Amino acid sequence: MRNRINIDTKEKNTFILKFQHENPEVAKRVASRLGSFFVEENIRAANRPPRKPRSFSWMRCRRPGKELEAQEEKLKQYKLQFGGELPQQSRQT
């Protein structure tokens, strides 16, 4: 049945729904019902209360990023100081 359904979105809230069937009356009823499902779900989604924000602190979320930036800066300074080589690279030569 899925291969008989075609949905084209035109704009933000506009779509064209097509359903192919040998019997035009069946095609009309199915397309009408599918369209109703789309409209009903859109109304439900619009009336649904917004989701609550998660219960974690944004500072806790940002902290690992700040720590990573600090480590990257240390690595950059180390490479500048030692000619772009890391300790394991300088031992090999």
PDB file of N, CA and C in Angstrom:
ATOM      1  N   MET A   1       0.832  -1.196   0.000  1.00  0.00           N
ATOM      2  CA  MET A   1       0.000   0.000   0.000  1.00  0.00           C
ATOM      3  C   MET A   1       0.878   1.262   0.000  1.00  0.00           C
ATOM      4  N   ARG A   2       2.022   1.212   0.683  1.00  0.00           N
ATOM      5  CA  ARG A   2       2.875   2.405   0.749  1.00  0.00           C
ATOM      6  C   ARG A   2       3.351   2.869  -0.613  1.00  0.00           C
ATOM      7  N   ASN A   3       3.580   1.925  -1.512  1.00  0.00           N
ATOM      8  CA  ASN A   3       4.059   2.336  -2.827  1.00  0.00           C
ATOM      9  C   ASN A   3       2.965   3.006  -3.660  1.00  0.00           C
ATOM     10  N   ARG A   4       1.734   2.995  -3.182  1.00  0.00           N
ATOM     11  CA  ARG A   4       0.634   3.677  -3.883  1.00  0.00           C
ATOM     12  C   ARG A   4       0.402   5.090  -3.360  1.00  0.00           C
ATOM     13  N   ILE A   5       1.115   5.467  -2.294  1.00  0.00           N
ATOM     14  CA  ILE A   5       0.937   6.781  -1.669  1.00  0.00           C
ATOM     15  C   ILE A   5       2.080   7.691  -2.090  1.00  0.00           C
ATOM     16  N   ASN A   6       1.748   8.916  -2.465  1.00  0.00           N
ATOM     17  CA  ASN A   6       2.743   9.907  -2.828  1.00  0.00           C
ATOM     18  C   ASN A   6       2.379  11.217  -2.134  1.00  0.00           C
ATOM     19  N   ILE A   7       3.345  11.785  -1.412  1.00  0.00           N
ATOM     20  CA  ILE A   7       3.113  13.042  -0.696  1.00  0.00           C
ATOM     21  C   ILE A   7       4.168  14.041  -1.141  1.00  0.00           C
ATOM     22  N   ASP A   8       3.733  15.177  -1.639  1.00  0.00           N
ATOM     23  CA  ASP A   8       4.626  16.269  -2.040  1.00  0.00           C
ATOM     24  C   ASP A   8       4.362  17.450  -1.124  1.00  0.00           C
ATOM     25  N   THR A   9       5.423  17.978  -0.504  1.00  0.00           N
ATOM     26  CA  THR A   9       5.271  19.181   0.304  1.00  0.00           C
ATOM     27  C   THR A   9       5.583  20.381  -0.564  1.00  0.00           C
ATOM     28  N   LYS A  10       4.739  21.379  -0.485  1.00  0.00           N
ATOM     29  CA  LYS A  10       4.896  22.576  -1.316  1.00  0.00           C
ATOM     30  C   LYS A  10       5.442  23.735  -0.499  1.00  0.00           C
ATOM     31  N   GLU A  11       4.841  24.012   0.623  1.00  0.00           N
ATOM     32  CA  GLU A  11       5.266  25.101   1.496  1.00  0.00           C
ATOM     33  C   GLU A  11       5.238  24.585   2.922  1.00  0.00           C
ATOM     34  N   LYS A  12       5.381  25.483   3.869  1.00  0.00           N
ATOM     35  CA  LYS A  12       5.457  25.083   5.281  1.00  0.00           C
ATOM     36  C   LYS A  12       4.259  24.232   5.704  1.00  0.00           C
ATOM     37  N   ASN A  13       3.069  24.651   5.401  1.00  0.00           N
ATOM     38  CA  ASN A  13       1.860  23.933   5.827  1.00  0.00           C
ATOM     39  C   ASN A  13       1.022  23.443   4.647  1.00  0.00           C
ATOM     40  N   THR A  14       1.650  23.184   3.522  1.00  0.00           N
ATOM     41  CA  THR A  14       0.920  22.760   2.334  1.00  0.00           C
ATOM     42  C   THR A  14       1.513  21.472   1.796  1.00  0.00           C
ATOM     43  N   PHE A  15       0.646  20.529   1.498  1.00  0.00           N
ATOM     44  CA  PHE A  15       1.112  19.287   0.898  1.00  0.00           C
ATOM     45  C   PHE A  15       0.076  18.766  -0.087  1.00  0.00           C
ATOM     46  N   ILE A  16       0.553  17.943  -1.015  1.00  0.00           N
ATOM     47  CA  ILE A  16      -0.334  17.281  -1.972  1.00  0.00           C
ATOM     48  C   ILE A  16      -0.210  15.791  -1.728  1.00  0.00           C
ATOM     49  N   LEU A  17      -1.336  15.146  -1.462  1.00  0.00           N
ATOM     50  CA  LEU A  17      -1.357  13.721  -1.179  1.00  0.00           C
ATOM     51  C   LEU A  17      -2.031  13.006  -2.346  1.00  0.00           C
ATOM     52  N   LYS A  18      -1.366  11.970  -2.851  1.00  0.00           N
ATOM     53  CA  LYS A  18      -1.932  11.200  -3.958  1.00  0.00           C
ATOM     54  C   LYS A  18      -1.961   9.734  -3.560  1.00  0.00           C
ATOM     55  N   PHE A  19      -3.046   9.065  -3.913  1.00  0.00           N
ATOM     56  CA  PHE A  19      -3.171   7.631  -3.679  1.00  0.00           C
ATOM     57  C   PHE A  19      -3.681   6.988  -4.962  1.00  0.00           C
ATOM     58  N   GLN A  20      -2.987   5.984  -5.431  1.00  0.00           N
ATOM     59  CA  GLN A  20      -3.371   5.330  -6.682  1.00  0.00           C
ATOM     60  C   GLN A  20      -4.037   3.987  -6.394  1.00  0.00           C
ATOM     61  N   HIS A  21      -5.131   3.762  -7.053  1.00  0.00           N
ATOM     62  CA  HIS A  21      -5.862   2.503  -6.933  1.00  0.00           C
ATOM     63  C   HIS A  21      -6.650   2.282  -8.218  1.00  0.00           C
ATOM     64  N   GLU A  22      -6.903   1.021  -8.507  1.00  0.00           N
ATOM     65  CA  GLU A  22      -7.651   0.697  -9.723  1.00  0.00           C
ATOM     66  C   GLU A  22      -9.067   1.258  -9.679  1.00  0.00           C
ATOM     67  N   ASN A  23      -9.645   1.246  -8.493  1.00  0.00           N
ATOM     68  CA  ASN A  23     -11.008   1.741  -8.305  1.00  0.00           C
ATOM     69  C   ASN A  23     -10.951   3.210  -7.877  1.00  0.00           C
ATOM     70  N   PRO A  24     -11.432   4.124  -8.687  1.00  0.00           N
ATOM     71  CA  PRO A  24     -11.357   5.545  -8.334  1.00  0.00           C
ATOM     72  C   PRO A  24     -12.061   5.892  -7.026  1.00  0.00           C
ATOM     73  N   GLU A  25     -13.152   5.197  -6.715  1.00  0.00           N
ATOM     74  CA  GLU A  25     -13.875   5.477  -5.465  1.00  0.00           C
ATOM     75  C   GLU A  25     -13.011   5.110  -4.257  1.00  0.00           C
ATOM     76  N   VAL A  26     -12.326   3.979  -4.327  1.00  0.00           N
ATOM     77  CA  VAL A  26     -11.427   3.566  -3.230  1.00  0.00           C
ATOM     78  C   VAL A  26     -10.290   4.570  -3.104  1.00  0.00           C
ATOM     79  N   ALA A  27      -9.716   4.977  -4.230  1.00  0.00           N
ATOM     80  CA  ALA A  27      -8.629   5.951  -4.210  1.00  0.00           C
ATOM     81  C   ALA A  27      -9.079   7.251  -3.549  1.00  0.00           C
ATOM     82  N   LYS A  28     -10.283   7.686  -3.877  1.00  0.00           N
ATOM     83  CA  LYS A  28     -10.829   8.921  -3.304  1.00  0.00           C
ATOM     84  C   LYS A  28     -11.002   8.805  -1.796  1.00  0.00           C
ATOM     85  N   ARG A  29     -11.586   7.687  -1.339  1.00  0.00           N
ATOM     86  CA  ARG A  29     -11.820   7.501   0.104  1.00  0.00           C
ATOM     87  C   ARG A  29     -10.512   7.391   0.878  1.00  0.00           C
ATOM     88  N   VAL A  30      -9.563   6.629   0.351  1.00  0.00           N
ATOM     89  CA  VAL A  30      -8.279   6.465   1.043  1.00  0.00           C
ATOM     90  C   VAL A  30      -7.531   7.787   1.099  1.00  0.00           C
ATOM     91  N   ALA A  31      -7.480   8.512  -0.008  1.00  0.00           N
ATOM     92  CA  ALA A  31      -6.791   9.808  -0.029  1.00  0.00           C
ATOM     93  C   ALA A  31      -7.448  10.783   0.949  1.00  0.00           C
ATOM     94  N   SER A  32      -8.762  10.765   1.008  1.00  0.00           N
ATOM     95  CA  SER A  32      -9.482  11.641   1.929  1.00  0.00           C
ATOM     96  C   SER A  32      -9.141  11.301   3.383  1.00  0.00           C
ATOM     97  N   ARG A  33      -9.140  10.016   3.682  1.00  0.00           N
ATOM     98  CA  ARG A  33      -8.853   9.590   5.062  1.00  0.00           C
ATOM     99  C   ARG A  33      -7.406   9.890   5.436  1.00  0.00           C
ATOM    100  N   LEU A  34      -6.474   9.633   4.530  1.00  0.00           N
ATOM    101  CA  LEU A  34      -5.070   9.950   4.813  1.00  0.00           C
ATOM    102  C   LEU A  34      -4.880  11.444   5.034  1.00  0.00           C
ATOM    103  N   GLY A  35      -5.544  12.251   4.219  1.00  0.00           N
ATOM    104  CA  GLY A  35      -5.480  13.701   4.401  1.00  0.00           C
ATOM    105  C   GLY A  35      -6.009  14.116   5.756  1.00  0.00           C
ATOM    106  N   SER A  36      -7.096  13.488   6.178  1.00  0.00           N
ATOM    107  CA  SER A  36      -7.658  13.782   7.506  1.00  0.00           C
ATOM    108  C   SER A  36      -6.680  13.435   8.610  1.00  0.00           C
ATOM    109  N   PHE A  37      -5.986  12.311   8.463  1.00  0.00           N
ATOM    110  CA  PHE A  37      -4.976  11.929   9.464  1.00  0.00           C
ATOM    111  C   PHE A  37      -3.896  13.002   9.568  1.00  0.00           C
ATOM    112  N   PHE A  38      -3.416  13.496   8.421  1.00  0.00           N
ATOM    113  CA  PHE A  38      -2.386  14.535   8.432  1.00  0.00           C
ATOM    114  C   PHE A  38      -2.884  15.793   9.135  1.00  0.00           C
ATOM    115  N   VAL A  39      -4.070  16.226   8.797  1.00  0.00           N
ATOM    116  CA  VAL A  39      -4.627  17.447   9.381  1.00  0.00           C
ATOM    117  C   VAL A  39      -4.830  17.270  10.889  1.00  0.00           C
ATOM    118  N   GLU A  40      -5.404  16.144  11.308  1.00  0.00           N
ATOM    119  CA  GLU A  40      -5.637  15.888  12.733  1.00  0.00           C
ATOM    120  C   GLU A  40      -4.324  15.875  13.519  1.00  0.00           C
ATOM    121  N   GLU A  41      -3.308  15.222  12.985  1.00  0.00           N
ATOM    122  CA  GLU A  41      -2.023  15.171  13.679  1.00  0.00           C
ATOM    123  C   GLU A  41      -1.391  16.551  13.748  1.00  0.00           C
ATOM    124  N   ASN A  42      -1.535  17.336  12.702  1.00  0.00           N
ATOM    125  CA  ASN A  42      -1.006  18.694  12.710  1.00  0.00           C
ATOM    126  C   ASN A  42      -1.688  19.534  13.792  1.00  0.00           C
ATOM    127  N   ILE A  43      -2.998  19.384  13.938  1.00  0.00           N
ATOM    128  CA  ILE A  43      -3.743  20.117  14.973  1.00  0.00           C
ATOM    129  C   ILE A  43      -3.295  19.656  16.358  1.00  0.00           C
ATOM    130  N   ARG A  44      -3.159  18.329  16.540  1.00  0.00           N
ATOM    131  CA  ARG A  44      -2.693  17.808  17.837  1.00  0.00           C
ATOM    132  C   ARG A  44      -1.306  18.346  18.172  1.00  0.00           C
ATOM    133  N   ALA A  45      -0.413  18.341  17.189  1.00  0.00           N
ATOM    134  CA  ALA A  45       0.951  18.815  17.424  1.00  0.00           C
ATOM    135  C   ALA A  45       0.959  20.299  17.778  1.00  0.00           C
ATOM    136  N   ALA A  46       0.103  21.090  17.134  1.00  0.00           N
ATOM    137  CA  ALA A  46       0.049  22.523  17.408  1.00  0.00           C
ATOM    138  C   ALA A  46      -0.505  22.809  18.805  1.00  0.00           C
ATOM    139  N   ASN A  47      -1.399  21.956  19.286  1.00  0.00           N
ATOM    140  CA  ASN A  47      -2.010  22.166  20.608  1.00  0.00           C
ATOM    141  C   ASN A  47      -1.247  21.483  21.737  1.00  0.00           C
ATOM    142  N   ARG A  48      -0.249  20.696  21.395  1.00  0.00           N
ATOM    143  CA  ARG A  48       0.538  20.003  22.407  1.00  0.00           C
ATOM    144  C   ARG A  48       1.353  21.024  23.188  1.00  0.00           C
ATOM    145  N   PRO A  49       1.410  20.896  24.526  1.00  0.00           N
ATOM    146  CA  PRO A  49       2.218  21.851  25.291  1.00  0.00           C
ATOM    147  C   PRO A  49       3.701  21.668  24.956  1.00  0.00           C
ATOM    148  N   PRO A  50       4.445  22.746  25.011  1.00  0.00           N
ATOM    149  CA  PRO A  50       5.872  22.624  24.711  1.00  0.00           C
ATOM    150  C   PRO A  50       6.557  21.697  25.722  1.00  0.00           C
ATOM    151  N   ARG A  51       7.576  21.010  25.254  1.00  0.00           N
ATOM    152  CA  ARG A  51       8.285  20.097  26.149  1.00  0.00           C
ATOM    153  C   ARG A  51       9.092  20.894  27.155  1.00  0.00           C
ATOM    154  N   LYS A  52       9.176  20.360  28.362  1.00  0.00           N
ATOM    155  CA  LYS A  52       9.957  21.011  29.405  1.00  0.00           C
ATOM    156  C   LYS A  52      11.439  20.835  29.104  1.00  0.00           C
ATOM    157  N   PRO A  53      12.224  21.837  29.474  1.00  0.00           N
ATOM    158  CA  PRO A  53      13.663  21.681  29.268  1.00  0.00           C
ATOM    159  C   PRO A  53      14.202  20.556  30.143  1.00  0.00           C
ATOM    160  N   ARG A  54      15.264  19.973  29.729  1.00  0.00           N
ATOM    161  CA  ARG A  54      15.861  18.882  30.509  1.00  0.00           C
ATOM    162  C   ARG A  54      16.372  19.420  31.832  1.00  0.00           C
ATOM    163  N   SER A  55      16.549  18.519  32.770  1.00  0.00           N
ATOM    164  CA  SER A  55      16.856  18.944  34.128  1.00  0.00           C
ATOM    165  C   SER A  55      18.350  19.108  34.406  1.00  0.00           C
ATOM    166  N   PHE A  56      19.179  19.250  33.406  1.00  0.00           N
ATOM    167  CA  PHE A  56      20.588  19.451  33.683  1.00  0.00           C
ATOM    168  C   PHE A  56      20.966  20.911  33.510  1.00  0.00           C
ATOM    169  N   SER A  57      22.025  21.274  34.131  1.00  0.00           N
ATOM    170  CA  SER A  57      22.499  22.651  34.066  1.00  0.00           C
ATOM    171  C   SER A  57      23.297  22.854  32.788  1.00  0.00           C
ATOM    172  N   TRP A  58      23.070  23.983  32.119  1.00  0.00           N
ATOM    173  CA  TRP A  58      23.838  24.272  30.913  1.00  0.00           C
ATOM    174  C   TRP A  58      25.316  24.452  31.237  1.00  0.00           C
ATOM    175  N   MET A  59      25.611  24.875  32.438  1.00  0.00           N
ATOM    176  CA  MET A  59      27.016  25.019  32.821  1.00  0.00           C
ATOM    177  C   MET A  59      27.697  23.658  32.865  1.00  0.00           C
ATOM    178  N   ARG A  60      26.996  22.642  33.370  1.00  0.00           N
ATOM    179  CA  ARG A  60      27.576  21.299  33.397  1.00  0.00           C
ATOM    180  C   ARG A  60      27.792  20.795  31.985  1.00  0.00           C
ATOM    181  N   CYS A  61      26.914  21.170  31.090  1.00  0.00           N
ATOM    182  CA  CYS A  61      27.025  20.749  29.701  1.00  0.00           C
ATOM    183  C   CYS A  61      28.190  21.455  29.007  1.00  0.00           C
ATOM    184  N   ARG A  62      28.412  22.706  29.315  1.00  0.00           N
ATOM    185  CA  ARG A  62      29.459  23.491  28.670  1.00  0.00           C
ATOM    186  C   ARG A  62      30.839  23.207  29.248  1.00  0.00           C
ATOM    187  N   ARG A  63      30.912  22.737  30.497  1.00  0.00           N
ATOM    188  CA  ARG A  63      32.197  22.533  31.166  1.00  0.00           C
ATOM    189  C   ARG A  63      33.129  21.611  30.381  1.00  0.00           C
ATOM    190  N   PRO A  64      32.689  20.433  29.906  1.00  0.00           N
ATOM    191  CA  PRO A  64      33.617  19.582  29.153  1.00  0.00           C
ATOM    192  C   PRO A  64      34.172  20.272  27.908  1.00  0.00           C
ATOM    193  N   GLY A  65      33.357  21.091  27.268  1.00  0.00           N
ATOM    194  CA  GLY A  65      33.835  21.823  26.104  1.00  0.00           C
ATOM    195  C   GLY A  65      34.929  22.812  26.470  1.00  0.00           C
ATOM    196  N   LYS A  66      34.761  23.495  27.594  1.00  0.00           N
ATOM    197  CA  LYS A  66      35.777  24.447  28.060  1.00  0.00           C
ATOM    198  C   LYS A  66      37.054  23.709  28.422  1.00  0.00           C
ATOM    199  N   GLU A  67      36.933  22.547  29.077  1.00  0.00           N
ATOM    200  CA  GLU A  67      38.112  21.757  29.440  1.00  0.00           C
ATOM    201  C   GLU A  67      38.842  21.281  28.196  1.00  0.00           C
ATOM    202  N   LEU A  68      38.098  20.872  27.181  1.00  0.00           N
ATOM    203  CA  LEU A  68      38.704  20.430  25.932  1.00  0.00           C
ATOM    204  C   LEU A  68      39.442  21.583  25.265  1.00  0.00           C
ATOM    205  N   GLU A  69      38.830  22.756  25.248  1.00  0.00           N
ATOM    206  CA  GLU A  69      39.490  23.919  24.665  1.00  0.00           C
ATOM    207  C   GLU A  69      40.788  24.234  25.400  1.00  0.00           C
ATOM    208  N   ALA A  70      40.794  24.117  26.729  1.00  0.00           N
ATOM    209  CA  ALA A  70      41.997  24.377  27.511  1.00  0.00           C
ATOM    210  C   ALA A  70      43.093  23.367  27.180  1.00  0.00           C
ATOM    211  N   GLN A  71      42.735  22.087  27.041  1.00  0.00           N
ATOM    212  CA  GLN A  71      43.717  21.061  26.692  1.00  0.00           C
ATOM    213  C   GLN A  71      44.265  21.284  25.286  1.00  0.00           C
ATOM    214  N   GLU A  72      43.410  21.666  24.355  1.00  0.00           N
ATOM    215  CA  GLU A  72      43.866  21.951  22.993  1.00  0.00           C
ATOM    216  C   GLU A  72      44.830  23.129  22.973  1.00  0.00           C
ATOM    217  N   GLU A  73      44.572  24.140  23.796  1.00  0.00           N
ATOM    218  CA  GLU A  73      45.464  25.287  23.881  1.00  0.00           C
ATOM    219  C   GLU A  73      46.813  24.870  24.464  1.00  0.00           C
ATOM    220  N   LYS A  74      46.805  24.005  25.480  1.00  0.00           N
ATOM    221  CA  LYS A  74      48.068  23.512  26.052  1.00  0.00           C
ATOM    222  C   LYS A  74      48.869  22.739  25.005  1.00  0.00           C
ATOM    223  N   LEU A  75      48.184  21.899  24.231  1.00  0.00           N
ATOM    224  CA  LEU A  75      48.840  21.126  23.185  1.00  0.00           C
ATOM    225  C   LEU A  75      49.438  22.058  22.132  1.00  0.00           C
ATOM    226  N   LYS A  76      48.702  23.087  21.763  1.00  0.00           N
ATOM    227  CA  LYS A  76      49.179  24.053  20.781  1.00  0.00           C
ATOM    228  C   LYS A  76      50.445  24.740  21.287  1.00  0.00           C
ATOM    229  N   GLN A  77      50.437  25.175  22.551  1.00  0.00           N
ATOM    230  CA  GLN A  77      51.597  25.841  23.135  1.00  0.00           C
ATOM    231  C   GLN A  77      52.793  24.895  23.205  1.00  0.00           C
ATOM    232  N   TYR A  78      52.556  23.637  23.553  1.00  0.00           N
ATOM    233  CA  TYR A  78      53.622  22.650  23.641  1.00  0.00           C
ATOM    234  C   TYR A  78      54.258  22.436  22.269  1.00  0.00           C
ATOM    235  N   LYS A  79      53.418  22.305  21.242  1.00  0.00           N
ATOM    236  CA  LYS A  79      53.936  22.106  19.886  1.00  0.00           C
ATOM    237  C   LYS A  79      54.739  23.317  19.422  1.00  0.00           C
ATOM    238  N   LEU A  80      54.284  24.523  19.766  1.00  0.00           N
ATOM    239  CA  LEU A  80      55.036  25.722  19.409  1.00  0.00           C
ATOM    240  C   LEU A  80      56.397  25.739  20.101  1.00  0.00           C
ATOM    241  N   GLN A  81      56.409  25.332  21.349  1.00  0.00           N
ATOM    242  CA  GLN A  81      57.642  25.332  22.130  1.00  0.00           C
ATOM    243  C   GLN A  81      58.636  24.291  21.620  1.00  0.00           C
ATOM    244  N   PHE A  82      58.165  23.134  21.197  1.00  0.00           N
ATOM    245  CA  PHE A  82      59.050  22.036  20.812  1.00  0.00           C
ATOM    246  C   PHE A  82      59.020  21.730  19.311  1.00  0.00           C
ATOM    247  N   GLY A  83      58.791  22.723  18.517  1.00  0.00           N
ATOM    248  CA  GLY A  83      58.889  22.587  17.072  1.00  0.00           C
ATOM    249  C   GLY A  83      57.851  21.680  16.447  1.00  0.00           C
ATOM    250  N   GLY A  84      56.662  21.637  16.997  1.00  0.00           N
ATOM    251  CA  GLY A  84      55.580  20.861  16.395  1.00  0.00           C
ATOM    252  C   GLY A  84      55.623  19.379  16.697  1.00  0.00           C
ATOM    253  N   GLU A  85      56.567  18.927  17.538  1.00  0.00           N
ATOM    254  CA  GLU A  85      56.644  17.504  17.851  1.00  0.00           C
ATOM    255  C   GLU A  85      56.101  17.230  19.246  1.00  0.00           C
ATOM    256  N   LEU A  86      55.495  16.087  19.388  1.00  0.00           N
ATOM    257  CA  LEU A  86      55.032  15.629  20.693  1.00  0.00           C
ATOM    258  C   LEU A  86      56.148  14.790  21.315  1.00  0.00           C
ATOM    259  N   PRO A  87      56.125  14.557  22.626  1.00  0.00           N
ATOM    260  CA  PRO A  87      57.212  13.812  23.286  1.00  0.00           C
ATOM    261  C   PRO A  87      57.502  12.462  22.617  1.00  0.00           C
ATOM    262  N   GLN A  88      56.496  11.681  22.274  1.00  0.00           N
ATOM    263  CA  GLN A  88      56.741  10.376  21.670  1.00  0.00           C
ATOM    264  C   GLN A  88      57.383  10.510  20.289  1.00  0.00           C
ATOM    265  N   GLN A  89      57.166  11.606  19.596  1.00  0.00           N
ATOM    266  CA  GLN A  89      57.763  11.807  18.287  1.00  0.00           C
ATOM    267  C   GLN A  89      59.245  12.157  18.401  1.00  0.00           C
ATOM    268  N   SER A  90      59.621  12.930  19.408  1.00  0.00           N
ATOM    269  CA  SER A  90      61.006  13.336  19.545  1.00  0.00           C
ATOM    270  C   SER A  90      61.887  12.177  19.996  1.00  0.00           C
ATOM    271  N   ARG A  91      61.359  11.185  20.711  1.00  0.00           N
ATOM    272  CA  ARG A  91      62.137  10.026  21.161  1.00  0.00           C
ATOM    273  C   ARG A  91      62.477   9.099  20.002  1.00  0.00           C
ATOM    274  N   GLN A  92      61.673   9.074  18.974  1.00  0.00           N
ATOM    275  CA  GLN A  92      61.855   8.157  17.858  1.00  0.00           C
ATOM    276  C   GLN A  92      63.002   8.587  16.963  1.00  0.00           C
ATOM    277  N   THR A  93      63.389   9.841  16.973  1.00  0.00           N
ATOM    278  CA  THR A  93      64.439  10.295  16.057  1.00  0.00           C
ATOM    279  C   THR A  93      65.787  10.250  16.681  1.00  0.00           C
TER     280      THR A  93
END
